[in-house]
Amino acid sequence: MNNKVILEFLTLLQEHNSFEWMQENKKLYQEAKGEFESLIGEMIVRISAYDESVAWLSAKDLVFRLNRDTRFSKNKSPYNPSFRAHISSAGRLPIPAGYFICIKPGESILGGGVFATQFPDATTMVRDYLTGHGEAFMGIINSRDFQENFQVLGEKLKNVPRGYDKDHPLAEFLKHKSWDLEYAICDAQFEDVDGFLDLSVDIFHKMKPFNDYLNQALASFTMPQRP
């Protein structure tokens, strides 16, 4: 695997973000994409050692497209200059929570948790679960592994939503519409393939209790069917 090829392609795409450039550099794109899929494939194998639910996954099914939806955006650049994948028992769907990777020069992250603000039913499920299982949640986020590596991020309201106790011990977390984690990766760390694999698989392992908690909350969630 050659992670430098991935960064080199994405750096060039940032500088020349156009359909024309992509057509002229299709071979470079295919090479970089192939390297990223190989990387994800190896991550699946290693993650499966502690999370068997992802063992059956194929890397090609987990990688997001580079194309951007520009219909409602002022930024009309046709591509998102990053390679992204979500490794979970449901593939790249946002629920259940899994292991997210975004490689973008200077802005790469490893992620976990639930990012799906577009599903209000899921948000309600997590909030309701928090109110009844607060001790377990605090045990996870107060653990040494969590404290040394993460903080709970995500879009949130200014106030505790109606129907929930504003004085609840987890009031700040009830404000959230998503509950996610991010761990920053610098380019030098990513270029070291073996070191990056060791680090990412370890970080994802440390995220797993947080993911497991959210997935318990979302156990009865059904992804809406497209019309």
C-alpha atoms as a PDB file:
ATOM      1  CA  MET A   1       0.000   0.000   0.000  1.00  0.00           C
ATOM      2  CA  ASN A   2       1.163   3.506  -0.833  1.00  0.00           C
ATOM      3  CA  ASN A   3      -0.601   6.221   1.144  1.00  0.00           C
ATOM      4  CA  LYS A   4       1.566   8.940  -0.392  1.00  0.00           C
ATOM      5  CA  VAL A   5      -0.204   8.369  -3.716  1.00  0.00           C
ATOM      6  CA  ILE A   6      -3.529   9.071  -1.989  1.00  0.00           C
ATOM      7  CA  LEU A   7      -2.333  12.375  -0.534  1.00  0.00           C
ATOM      8  CA  GLU A   8      -0.659  13.420  -3.786  1.00  0.00           C
ATOM      9  CA  PHE A   9      -3.856  12.850  -5.754  1.00  0.00           C
ATOM     10  CA  LEU A  10      -6.044  14.681  -3.232  1.00  0.00           C
ATOM     11  CA  THR A  11      -3.632  17.627  -3.086  1.00  0.00           C
ATOM     12  CA  LEU A  12      -3.777  17.967  -6.868  1.00  0.00           C
ATOM     13  CA  LEU A  13      -7.567  17.632  -6.839  1.00  0.00           C
ATOM     14  CA  GLN A  14      -7.795  20.489  -4.327  1.00  0.00           C
ATOM     15  CA  GLU A  15      -5.785  22.654  -6.713  1.00  0.00           C
ATOM     16  CA  HIS A  16      -7.572  21.585  -9.918  1.00  0.00           C
ATOM     17  CA  ASN A  17     -11.128  20.791  -8.882  1.00  0.00           C
ATOM     18  CA  SER A  18     -12.843  20.386 -12.259  1.00  0.00           C
ATOM     19  CA  PHE A  19     -14.404  17.737 -14.477  1.00  0.00           C
ATOM     20  CA  GLU A  20     -11.789  18.453 -17.121  1.00  0.00           C
ATOM     21  CA  TRP A  21      -8.860  17.839 -14.780  1.00  0.00           C
ATOM     22  CA  MET A  22     -10.404  14.637 -13.476  1.00  0.00           C
ATOM     23  CA  GLN A  23     -10.882  13.313 -16.994  1.00  0.00           C
ATOM     24  CA  GLU A  24      -7.259  14.078 -17.834  1.00  0.00           C
ATOM     25  CA  ASN A  25      -6.030  12.394 -14.628  1.00  0.00           C
ATOM     26  CA  LYS A  26      -8.354   9.426 -14.455  1.00  0.00           C
ATOM     27  CA  LYS A  27      -5.442   6.979 -14.202  1.00  0.00           C
ATOM     28  CA  LEU A  28      -4.053   8.792 -11.140  1.00  0.00           C
ATOM     29  CA  TYR A  29      -7.520   8.796  -9.571  1.00  0.00           C
ATOM     30  CA  GLN A  30      -7.958   5.067 -10.135  1.00  0.00           C
ATOM     31  CA  GLU A  31      -4.533   4.378  -8.618  1.00  0.00           C
ATOM     32  CA  ALA A  32      -5.269   6.490  -5.518  1.00  0.00           C
ATOM     33  CA  LYS A  33      -8.739   4.993  -5.113  1.00  0.00           C
ATOM     34  CA  GLY A  34      -7.294   1.504  -5.388  1.00  0.00           C
ATOM     35  CA  GLU A  35      -4.748   2.264  -2.673  1.00  0.00           C
ATOM     36  CA  PHE A  36      -7.478   3.632  -0.400  1.00  0.00           C
ATOM     37  CA  GLU A  37      -9.670   0.574  -0.927  1.00  0.00           C
ATOM     38  CA  SER A  38      -6.705  -1.680  -0.117  1.00  0.00           C
ATOM     39  CA  LEU A  39      -6.162   0.313   3.069  1.00  0.00           C
ATOM     40  CA  ILE A  40      -9.818  -0.031   4.072  1.00  0.00           C
ATOM     41  CA  GLY A  41      -9.699  -3.745   3.311  1.00  0.00           C
ATOM     42  CA  GLU A  42      -6.791  -4.222   5.692  1.00  0.00           C
ATOM     43  CA  MET A  43      -8.540  -2.127   8.343  1.00  0.00           C
ATOM     44  CA  ILE A  44     -11.618  -4.367   8.081  1.00  0.00           C
ATOM     45  CA  VAL A  45      -9.486  -7.442   8.697  1.00  0.00           C
ATOM     46  CA  ARG A  46      -7.851  -5.898  11.768  1.00  0.00           C
ATOM     47  CA  ILE A  47     -11.033  -4.388  13.213  1.00  0.00           C
ATOM     48  CA  SER A  48     -12.747  -7.767  12.858  1.00  0.00           C
ATOM     49  CA  ALA A  49     -10.456  -9.069  15.586  1.00  0.00           C
ATOM     50  CA  TYR A  50     -12.564  -7.142  18.123  1.00  0.00           C
ATOM     51  CA  ASP A  51     -15.741  -6.437  16.125  1.00  0.00           C
ATOM     52  CA  GLU A  52     -16.889  -9.474  14.156  1.00  0.00           C
ATOM     53  CA  SER A  53     -19.918  -7.584  12.816  1.00  0.00           C
ATOM     54  CA  VAL A  54     -17.766  -5.967  10.101  1.00  0.00           C
ATOM     55  CA  ALA A  55     -15.884  -9.088   9.000  1.00  0.00           C
ATOM     56  CA  TRP A  56     -18.099  -9.697   5.943  1.00  0.00           C
ATOM     57  CA  LEU A  57     -17.733  -6.190   4.496  1.00  0.00           C
ATOM     58  CA  SER A  58     -16.134  -5.327   1.160  1.00  0.00           C
ATOM     59  CA  ALA A  59     -14.023  -2.175   1.043  1.00  0.00           C
ATOM     60  CA  LYS A  60     -15.459  -1.082  -2.321  1.00  0.00           C
ATOM     61  CA  ASP A  61     -18.944  -0.887  -0.788  1.00  0.00           C
ATOM     62  CA  LEU A  62     -17.814   1.409   2.042  1.00  0.00           C
ATOM     63  CA  VAL A  63     -16.075   4.197   0.108  1.00  0.00           C
ATOM     64  CA  PHE A  64     -18.063   7.367  -0.588  1.00  0.00           C
ATOM     65  CA  ARG A  65     -18.078   9.041  -3.973  1.00  0.00           C
ATOM     66  CA  LEU A  66     -15.982  12.149  -4.538  1.00  0.00           C
ATOM     67  CA  ASN A  67     -18.800  13.913  -6.393  1.00  0.00           C
ATOM     68  CA  ARG A  68     -20.474  16.775  -4.537  1.00  0.00           C
ATOM     69  CA  ASP A  69     -24.141  17.796  -4.693  1.00  0.00           C
ATOM     70  CA  THR A  70     -23.758  21.467  -5.641  1.00  0.00           C
ATOM     71  CA  ARG A  71     -27.449  22.286  -6.216  1.00  0.00           C
ATOM     72  CA  PHE A  72     -27.867  24.244  -2.987  1.00  0.00           C
ATOM     73  CA  SER A  73     -24.259  25.235  -2.360  1.00  0.00           C
ATOM     74  CA  LYS A  74     -22.378  28.413  -3.194  1.00  0.00           C
ATOM     75  CA  ASN A  75     -19.296  26.250  -3.676  1.00  0.00           C
ATOM     76  CA  LYS A  76     -19.723  24.780  -7.151  1.00  0.00           C
ATOM     77  CA  SER A  77     -16.565  22.657  -7.092  1.00  0.00           C
ATOM     78  CA  PRO A  78     -17.675  19.284  -8.466  1.00  0.00           C
ATOM     79  CA  TYR A  79     -15.582  17.106  -6.144  1.00  0.00           C
ATOM     80  CA  ASN A  80     -14.982  16.681  -2.451  1.00  0.00           C
ATOM     81  CA  PRO A  81     -11.165  16.384  -2.313  1.00  0.00           C
ATOM     82  CA  SER A  82     -11.158  13.618   0.290  1.00  0.00           C
ATOM     83  CA  PHE A  83     -11.428   9.870   0.461  1.00  0.00           C
ATOM     84  CA  ARG A  84     -14.041   8.771   3.008  1.00  0.00           C
ATOM     85  CA  ALA A  85     -15.382   5.450   4.212  1.00  0.00           C
ATOM     86  CA  HIS A  86     -17.671   4.194   6.975  1.00  0.00           C
ATOM     87  CA  ILE A  87     -17.110   0.706   8.363  1.00  0.00           C
ATOM     88  CA  SER A  88     -20.137  -0.616  10.233  1.00  0.00           C
ATOM     89  CA  SER A  89     -22.348  -3.687  10.336  1.00  0.00           C
ATOM     90  CA  ALA A  90     -24.695  -1.959   7.854  1.00  0.00           C
ATOM     91  CA  GLY A  91     -21.917  -0.896   5.524  1.00  0.00           C
ATOM     92  CA  ARG A  92     -21.542   2.817   4.926  1.00  0.00           C
ATOM     93  CA  LEU A  93     -25.019   3.754   6.189  1.00  0.00           C
ATOM     94  CA  PRO A  94     -24.824   6.326   9.014  1.00  0.00           C
ATOM     95  CA  ILE A  95     -26.695   4.062  11.457  1.00  0.00           C
ATOM     96  CA  PRO A  96     -25.578   1.920  13.205  1.00  0.00           C
ATOM     97  CA  ALA A  97     -22.534   3.730  14.532  1.00  0.00           C
ATOM     98  CA  GLY A  98     -19.261   2.462  13.129  1.00  0.00           C
ATOM     99  CA  TYR A  99     -15.760   3.536  12.218  1.00  0.00           C
ATOM    100  CA  PHE A 100     -15.394   6.544   9.926  1.00  0.00           C
ATOM    101  CA  ILE A 101     -12.253   7.583   8.092  1.00  0.00           C
ATOM    102  CA  CYS A 102     -11.766  10.802   6.145  1.00  0.00           C
ATOM    103  CA  ILE A 103      -8.454  11.420   4.416  1.00  0.00           C
ATOM    104  CA  LYS A 104      -7.971  15.019   3.304  1.00  0.00           C
ATOM    105  CA  PRO A 105      -4.545  16.685   3.155  1.00  0.00           C
ATOM    106  CA  GLY A 106      -4.020  18.532   6.435  1.00  0.00           C
ATOM    107  CA  GLU A 107      -7.497  17.661   7.733  1.00  0.00           C
ATOM    108  CA  SER A 108      -7.691  13.870   8.069  1.00  0.00           C
ATOM    109  CA  ILE A 109      -9.739  12.335  10.885  1.00  0.00           C
ATOM    110  CA  LEU A 110     -10.841   9.037  12.345  1.00  0.00           C
ATOM    111  CA  GLY A 111     -14.444   9.223  13.519  1.00  0.00           C
ATOM    112  CA  GLY A 112     -17.076   7.356  15.472  1.00  0.00           C
ATOM    113  CA  GLY A 113     -20.545   7.833  16.894  1.00  0.00           C
ATOM    114  CA  VAL A 114     -23.715   8.986  15.155  1.00  0.00           C
ATOM    115  CA  PHE A 115     -23.653  11.894  12.689  1.00  0.00           C
ATOM    116  CA  ALA A 116     -27.204  11.428  11.378  1.00  0.00           C
ATOM    117  CA  THR A 117     -28.999  14.682  12.252  1.00  0.00           C
ATOM    118  CA  GLN A 118     -31.351  14.064   9.324  1.00  0.00           C
ATOM    119  CA  PHE A 119     -33.150  11.325  11.275  1.00  0.00           C
ATOM    120  CA  PRO A 120     -35.113  12.941  14.152  1.00  0.00           C
ATOM    121  CA  ASP A 121     -36.426   9.544  15.303  1.00  0.00           C
ATOM    122  CA  ALA A 122     -32.852   8.407  15.878  1.00  0.00           C
ATOM    123  CA  THR A 123     -32.078  11.584  17.829  1.00  0.00           C
ATOM    124  CA  THR A 124     -35.090  10.975  20.079  1.00  0.00           C
ATOM    125  CA  MET A 125     -34.048   7.367  20.675  1.00  0.00           C
ATOM    126  CA  VAL A 126     -30.591   8.391  21.833  1.00  0.00           C
ATOM    127  CA  ARG A 127     -31.935  11.137  24.093  1.00  0.00           C
ATOM    128  CA  ASP A 128     -34.447   8.773  25.670  1.00  0.00           C
ATOM    129  CA  TYR A 129     -31.760   6.159  26.208  1.00  0.00           C
ATOM    130  CA  LEU A 130     -29.476   8.721  27.826  1.00  0.00           C
ATOM    131  CA  THR A 131     -32.144   9.644  30.368  1.00  0.00           C
ATOM    132  CA  GLY A 132     -32.468   6.034  31.484  1.00  0.00           C
ATOM    133  CA  HIS A 133     -28.861   4.862  31.134  1.00  0.00           C
ATOM    134  CA  GLY A 134     -26.855   7.870  32.235  1.00  0.00           C
ATOM    135  CA  GLU A 135     -24.513   5.986  34.548  1.00  0.00           C
ATOM    136  CA  ALA A 136     -23.307   3.707  31.755  1.00  0.00           C
ATOM    137  CA  PHE A 137     -22.745   6.710  29.460  1.00  0.00           C
ATOM    138  CA  MET A 138     -20.726   8.570  32.093  1.00  0.00           C
ATOM    139  CA  GLY A 139     -18.671   5.457  32.723  1.00  0.00           C
ATOM    140  CA  ILE A 140     -17.681   5.398  29.061  1.00  0.00           C
ATOM    141  CA  ILE A 141     -16.827   9.069  28.616  1.00  0.00           C
ATOM    142  CA  ASN A 142     -14.996   9.255  31.954  1.00  0.00           C
ATOM    143  CA  SER A 143     -12.785   6.265  31.189  1.00  0.00           C
ATOM    144  CA  ARG A 144      -9.069   6.895  30.699  1.00  0.00           C
ATOM    145  CA  ASP A 145      -9.092   5.783  27.050  1.00  0.00           C
ATOM    146  CA  PHE A 146     -11.911   8.202  26.261  1.00  0.00           C
ATOM    147  CA  GLN A 147     -10.569  11.146  28.239  1.00  0.00           C
ATOM    148  CA  GLU A 148      -7.114  10.861  26.668  1.00  0.00           C
ATOM    149  CA  ASN A 149      -8.374  10.750  23.085  1.00  0.00           C
ATOM    150  CA  PHE A 150     -11.887  12.108  22.581  1.00  0.00           C
ATOM    151  CA  GLN A 151     -14.607  14.564  23.402  1.00  0.00           C
ATOM    152  CA  VAL A 152     -18.263  14.296  22.426  1.00  0.00           C
ATOM    153  CA  LEU A 153     -18.867  16.534  19.417  1.00  0.00           C
ATOM    154  CA  GLY A 154     -21.838  17.099  17.160  1.00  0.00           C
ATOM    155  CA  GLU A 155     -24.552  19.590  16.295  1.00  0.00           C
ATOM    156  CA  LYS A 156     -26.504  20.663  19.374  1.00  0.00           C
ATOM    157  CA  LEU A 157     -29.295  22.960  20.521  1.00  0.00           C
ATOM    158  CA  LYS A 158     -28.809  25.973  22.760  1.00  0.00           C
ATOM    159  CA  ASN A 159     -31.281  24.595  25.298  1.00  0.00           C
ATOM    160  CA  VAL A 160     -32.460  21.186  26.479  1.00  0.00           C
ATOM    161  CA  PRO A 161     -35.291  20.200  24.113  1.00  0.00           C
ATOM    162  CA  ARG A 162     -38.895  20.311  25.260  1.00  0.00           C
ATOM    163  CA  GLY A 163     -39.975  17.178  27.074  1.00  0.00           C
ATOM    164  CA  TYR A 164     -36.649  16.632  28.839  1.00  0.00           C
ATOM    165  CA  ASP A 165     -35.551  17.793  32.272  1.00  0.00           C
ATOM    166  CA  LYS A 166     -33.334  20.863  31.906  1.00  0.00           C
ATOM    167  CA  ASP A 167     -31.704  19.933  35.226  1.00  0.00           C
ATOM    168  CA  HIS A 168     -30.927  16.365  34.208  1.00  0.00           C
ATOM    169  CA  PRO A 169     -27.301  15.340  34.974  1.00  0.00           C
ATOM    170  CA  LEU A 170     -26.792  14.729  31.250  1.00  0.00           C
ATOM    171  CA  ALA A 171     -28.538  17.927  30.156  1.00  0.00           C
ATOM    172  CA  GLU A 172     -25.611  19.047  27.987  1.00  0.00           C
ATOM    173  CA  PHE A 173     -25.676  15.776  26.079  1.00  0.00           C
ATOM    174  CA  LEU A 174     -29.462  15.912  25.685  1.00  0.00           C
ATOM    175  CA  LYS A 175     -28.961  19.129  23.712  1.00  0.00           C
ATOM    176  CA  HIS A 176     -27.099  17.194  21.039  1.00  0.00           C
ATOM    177  CA  LYS A 177     -28.680  16.288  17.718  1.00  0.00           C
ATOM    178  CA  SER A 178     -25.690  14.081  16.936  1.00  0.00           C
ATOM    179  CA  TRP A 179     -23.071  12.456  19.127  1.00  0.00           C
ATOM    180  CA  ASP A 180     -19.785  11.937  17.354  1.00  0.00           C
ATOM    181  CA  LEU A 181     -16.079  11.581  17.956  1.00  0.00           C
ATOM    182  CA  GLU A 182     -13.103  12.801  15.931  1.00  0.00           C
ATOM    183  CA  TYR A 183      -9.430  11.964  16.198  1.00  0.00           C
ATOM    184  CA  ALA A 184      -7.122  14.100  14.049  1.00  0.00           C
ATOM    185  CA  ILE A 185      -4.461  12.491  11.857  1.00  0.00           C
ATOM    186  CA  CYS A 186      -1.594  14.487  10.359  1.00  0.00           C
ATOM    187  CA  ASP A 187      -0.251  13.781   6.872  1.00  0.00           C
ATOM    188  CA  ALA A 188       3.019  12.322   8.188  1.00  0.00           C
ATOM    189  CA  GLN A 189       1.105   9.805  10.310  1.00  0.00           C
ATOM    190  CA  PHE A 190      -0.988   8.774   7.317  1.00  0.00           C
ATOM    191  CA  GLU A 191       2.016   8.338   5.024  1.00  0.00           C
ATOM    192  CA  ASP A 192       3.462   5.734   7.422  1.00  0.00           C
ATOM    193  CA  VAL A 193       1.189   2.880   6.346  1.00  0.00           C
ATOM    194  CA  ASP A 194       2.065   0.393   9.081  1.00  0.00           C
ATOM    195  CA  GLY A 195       2.044   3.037  11.788  1.00  0.00           C
ATOM    196  CA  PHE A 196      -1.245   4.457  10.543  1.00  0.00           C
ATOM    197  CA  LEU A 197      -2.922   1.049  10.488  1.00  0.00           C
ATOM    198  CA  ASP A 198      -1.745   0.295  14.029  1.00  0.00           C
ATOM    199  CA  LEU A 199      -2.905   3.701  15.265  1.00  0.00           C
ATOM    200  CA  SER A 200      -6.281   3.740  13.510  1.00  0.00           C
ATOM    201  CA  VAL A 201      -7.239   0.232  14.587  1.00  0.00           C
ATOM    202  CA  ASP A 202      -6.283   1.083  18.177  1.00  0.00           C
ATOM    203  CA  ILE A 203      -8.258   4.364  18.118  1.00  0.00           C
ATOM    204  CA  PHE A 204     -11.300   2.613  16.673  1.00  0.00           C
ATOM    205  CA  HIS A 205     -11.051  -0.023  19.394  1.00  0.00           C
ATOM    206  CA  LYS A 206     -11.143   2.762  21.985  1.00  0.00           C
ATOM    207  CA  MET A 207     -14.202   4.254  20.262  1.00  0.00           C
ATOM    208  CA  LYS A 208     -16.087   0.958  20.311  1.00  0.00           C
ATOM    209  CA  PRO A 209     -17.693   1.291  23.792  1.00  0.00           C
ATOM    210  CA  PHE A 210     -19.152   4.667  22.742  1.00  0.00           C
ATOM    211  CA  ASN A 211     -20.422   3.183  19.475  1.00  0.00           C
ATOM    212  CA  ASP A 212     -21.859   0.163  21.292  1.00  0.00           C
ATOM    213  CA  TYR A 213     -23.762   2.411  23.685  1.00  0.00           C
ATOM    214  CA  LEU A 214     -25.311   4.405  20.832  1.00  0.00           C
ATOM    215  CA  ASN A 215     -26.161   1.236  18.952  1.00  0.00           C
ATOM    216  CA  GLN A 216     -27.981  -0.083  22.008  1.00  0.00           C
ATOM    217  CA  ALA A 217     -30.003   3.119  21.990  1.00  0.00           C
ATOM    218  CA  LEU A 218     -30.729   2.691  18.296  1.00  0.00           C
ATOM    219  CA  ALA A 219     -31.387  -1.053  18.340  1.00  0.00           C
ATOM    220  CA  SER A 220     -34.976  -0.641  17.081  1.00  0.00           C
ATOM    221  CA  PHE A 221     -34.203   2.106  14.545  1.00  0.00           C
ATOM    222  CA  THR A 222     -35.126   1.347  10.950  1.00  0.00           C
ATOM    223  CA  MET A 223     -33.559   3.319   8.138  1.00  0.00           C
ATOM    224  CA  PRO A 224     -36.317   5.185   6.212  1.00  0.00           C
ATOM    225  CA  GLN A 225     -37.081   3.715   2.796  1.00  0.00           C
ATOM    226  CA  ARG A 226     -36.474   5.925  -0.187  1.00  0.00           C
ATOM    227  CA  PRO A 227     -39.654   6.767  -2.106  1.00  0.00           C
END
